[in-house]
């Protein structure tokens, strides 16, 4: 296997795992704080926006 291809796959896979772990952290934070349904949506929306911006940036760089 080509080392560059392996590195690209590992980077993609590990970033996906990192995003999933951060989503778990947001969910756990909402659960521990006793946030209601609306507050959980706000937490996921605001804190998840940072993760979404990273993904959009990566896609934009790949397209350009």
N, C-alpha and C. Protein backbone atom coordinates (compact mmCIF):
# COMPACT_ATOMS: atom_id res chain seq x y z
N UNK A 1 0.86 -1.18 0.00
CA UNK A 1 0.00 0.00 0.00
C UNK A 1 0.90 1.24 0.00
N UNK A 2 0.46 2.21 -0.73
CA UNK A 2 1.18 3.48 -0.84
C UNK A 2 1.12 4.22 0.51
N UNK A 3 2.27 4.69 1.02
CA UNK A 3 2.25 5.38 2.33
C UNK A 3 1.37 6.63 2.34
N UNK A 4 1.32 7.37 1.24
CA UNK A 4 0.48 8.56 1.20
C UNK A 4 -1.00 8.21 1.30
N UNK A 5 -1.39 7.15 0.62
CA UNK A 5 -2.78 6.70 0.66
C UNK A 5 -3.14 6.23 2.07
N UNK A 6 -2.24 5.48 2.70
CA UNK A 6 -2.45 5.01 4.07
C UNK A 6 -2.60 6.20 5.02
N UNK A 7 -1.73 7.19 4.88
CA UNK A 7 -1.80 8.37 5.74
C UNK A 7 -3.11 9.12 5.54
N UNK A 8 -3.58 9.23 4.30
CA UNK A 8 -4.83 9.91 4.02
C UNK A 8 -6.01 9.17 4.65
N UNK A 9 -6.03 7.83 4.52
CA UNK A 9 -7.09 7.03 5.13
C UNK A 9 -7.08 7.15 6.64
N UNK A 10 -5.89 7.09 7.23
CA UNK A 10 -5.79 7.19 8.69
C UNK A 10 -6.22 8.58 9.17
N UNK A 11 -5.82 9.62 8.46
CA UNK A 11 -6.22 10.97 8.84
C UNK A 11 -7.73 11.12 8.77
N UNK A 12 -8.32 10.65 7.69
CA UNK A 12 -9.78 10.73 7.55
C UNK A 12 -10.47 9.94 8.64
N UNK A 13 -10.03 8.71 8.87
CA UNK A 13 -10.64 7.87 9.89
C UNK A 13 -10.50 8.44 11.29
N UNK A 14 -9.33 8.97 11.60
CA UNK A 14 -9.11 9.51 12.94
C UNK A 14 -9.86 10.82 13.16
N UNK A 15 -10.02 11.62 12.11
CA UNK A 15 -10.81 12.85 12.24
C UNK A 15 -12.28 12.50 12.47
N UNK A 16 -12.77 11.47 11.77
CA UNK A 16 -14.15 11.02 11.99
C UNK A 16 -14.32 10.55 13.43
N UNK A 17 -13.36 9.78 13.94
CA UNK A 17 -13.43 9.33 15.33
C UNK A 17 -13.38 10.51 16.30
N UNK A 18 -12.57 11.50 15.99
CA UNK A 18 -12.48 12.69 16.86
C UNK A 18 -13.79 13.45 16.88
N UNK A 19 -14.43 13.61 15.74
CA UNK A 19 -15.71 14.30 15.67
C UNK A 19 -16.77 13.52 16.43
N UNK A 20 -16.77 12.19 16.28
CA UNK A 20 -17.72 11.36 17.02
C UNK A 20 -17.48 11.46 18.52
N UNK A 21 -16.23 11.49 18.94
CA UNK A 21 -15.91 11.62 20.36
C UNK A 21 -16.35 12.99 20.89
N UNK A 22 -16.17 14.03 20.10
CA UNK A 22 -16.61 15.35 20.54
C UNK A 22 -18.13 15.42 20.63
N UNK A 23 -18.84 14.72 19.74
CA UNK A 23 -20.30 14.66 19.84
C UNK A 23 -20.71 13.93 21.12
N UNK A 24 -19.98 12.87 21.47
CA UNK A 24 -20.25 12.18 22.72
C UNK A 24 -20.00 13.09 23.92
N UNK A 25 -18.95 13.88 23.87
CA UNK A 25 -18.65 14.81 24.97
C UNK A 25 -19.77 15.84 25.11
N UNK A 26 -20.28 16.36 24.00
CA UNK A 26 -21.38 17.32 24.05
C UNK A 26 -22.61 16.66 24.65
N UNK A 27 -22.92 15.43 24.21
CA UNK A 27 -24.08 14.71 24.75
C UNK A 27 -23.92 14.46 26.24
N UNK A 28 -22.72 14.05 26.68
CA UNK A 28 -22.48 13.79 28.09
C UNK A 28 -22.57 15.09 28.91
N UNK A 29 -22.07 16.18 28.36
CA UNK A 29 -22.17 17.47 29.04
C UNK A 29 -23.63 17.86 29.23
N UNK A 30 -24.44 17.67 28.20
CA UNK A 30 -25.86 18.00 28.30
C UNK A 30 -26.56 17.09 29.31
N UNK A 31 -26.19 15.82 29.33
CA UNK A 31 -26.82 14.88 30.25
C UNK A 31 -26.45 15.20 31.69
N UNK A 32 -25.20 15.48 31.95
CA UNK A 32 -24.74 15.77 33.32
C UNK A 32 -25.28 17.09 33.84
N UNK A 33 -25.50 18.03 32.95
CA UNK A 33 -25.99 19.33 33.39
C UNK A 33 -27.50 19.33 33.58
N UNK A 34 -28.17 18.27 33.16
CA UNK A 34 -29.62 18.20 33.29
C UNK A 34 -30.34 19.10 32.31
N UNK A 35 -29.72 19.33 31.17
CA UNK A 35 -30.32 20.22 30.17
C UNK A 35 -31.57 19.58 29.58
N UNK A 36 -32.54 20.40 29.26
CA UNK A 36 -33.75 19.93 28.62
C UNK A 36 -33.54 19.67 27.15
N UNK A 37 -34.61 19.30 26.48
CA UNK A 37 -34.51 18.95 25.06
C UNK A 37 -34.05 20.16 24.22
N UNK A 38 -34.61 21.33 24.48
CA UNK A 38 -34.24 22.51 23.70
C UNK A 38 -32.80 22.90 23.96
N UNK A 39 -32.39 22.81 25.21
CA UNK A 39 -31.00 23.17 25.56
C UNK A 39 -30.00 22.22 24.92
N UNK A 40 -30.37 20.94 24.82
CA UNK A 40 -29.48 19.98 24.16
C UNK A 40 -29.33 20.32 22.69
N UNK A 41 -30.42 20.71 22.04
CA UNK A 41 -30.33 21.10 20.63
C UNK A 41 -29.45 22.33 20.47
N UNK A 42 -29.55 23.26 21.41
CA UNK A 42 -28.71 24.47 21.35
C UNK A 42 -27.25 24.10 21.55
N UNK A 43 -26.98 23.22 22.52
CA UNK A 43 -25.60 22.77 22.74
C UNK A 43 -25.03 22.11 21.49
N UNK A 44 -25.78 21.17 20.92
CA UNK A 44 -25.29 20.50 19.72
C UNK A 44 -25.15 21.48 18.56
N UNK A 45 -26.07 22.43 18.46
CA UNK A 45 -26.00 23.40 17.38
C UNK A 45 -24.80 24.31 17.48
N UNK A 46 -24.58 24.86 18.66
CA UNK A 46 -23.49 25.83 18.83
C UNK A 46 -22.13 25.15 18.85
N UNK A 47 -22.00 24.11 19.67
CA UNK A 47 -20.71 23.44 19.78
C UNK A 47 -20.42 22.60 18.54
N UNK A 48 -21.46 22.06 17.94
CA UNK A 48 -21.26 21.28 16.73
C UNK A 48 -20.94 22.15 15.53
N UNK A 49 -21.25 23.43 15.60
CA UNK A 49 -20.96 24.34 14.50
C UNK A 49 -19.45 24.44 14.25
N UNK A 50 -18.67 24.38 15.31
CA UNK A 50 -17.21 24.39 15.16
C UNK A 50 -16.71 23.18 14.40
N UNK A 51 -17.27 22.01 14.72
CA UNK A 51 -16.89 20.79 14.00
C UNK A 51 -17.34 20.87 12.54
N UNK A 52 -18.53 21.39 12.33
CA UNK A 52 -19.05 21.52 10.97
C UNK A 52 -18.19 22.48 10.15
N UNK A 53 -17.72 23.55 10.76
CA UNK A 53 -16.85 24.50 10.05
C UNK A 53 -15.56 23.82 9.61
N UNK A 54 -15.01 22.95 10.46
CA UNK A 54 -13.79 22.23 10.09
C UNK A 54 -14.04 21.32 8.90
N UNK A 55 -15.16 20.62 8.91
CA UNK A 55 -15.48 19.72 7.80
C UNK A 55 -15.71 20.50 6.52
N UNK A 56 -16.43 21.62 6.61
CA UNK A 56 -16.67 22.45 5.42
C UNK A 56 -15.36 23.01 4.88
N UNK A 57 -14.47 23.41 5.76
CA UNK A 57 -13.17 23.92 5.31
C UNK A 57 -12.39 22.85 4.57
N UNK A 58 -12.40 21.64 5.09
CA UNK A 58 -11.69 20.54 4.46
C UNK A 58 -12.26 20.25 3.08
N UNK A 59 -13.57 20.25 2.97
CA UNK A 59 -14.21 19.99 1.67
C UNK A 59 -13.91 21.13 0.70
N UNK A 60 -13.96 22.37 1.18
CA UNK A 60 -13.70 23.52 0.30
C UNK A 60 -12.26 23.49 -0.22
N UNK A 61 -11.32 23.13 0.63
CA UNK A 61 -9.91 23.05 0.18
C UNK A 61 -9.75 21.95 -0.85
N UNK A 62 -10.43 20.81 -0.64
CA UNK A 62 -10.33 19.70 -1.60
C UNK A 62 -10.95 20.07 -2.94
N UNK A 63 -12.05 20.82 -2.93
CA UNK A 63 -12.72 21.20 -4.16
C UNK A 63 -11.90 22.24 -4.92
N UNK A 64 -11.37 23.19 -4.20
CA UNK A 64 -10.61 24.26 -4.86
C UNK A 64 -9.24 23.75 -5.27
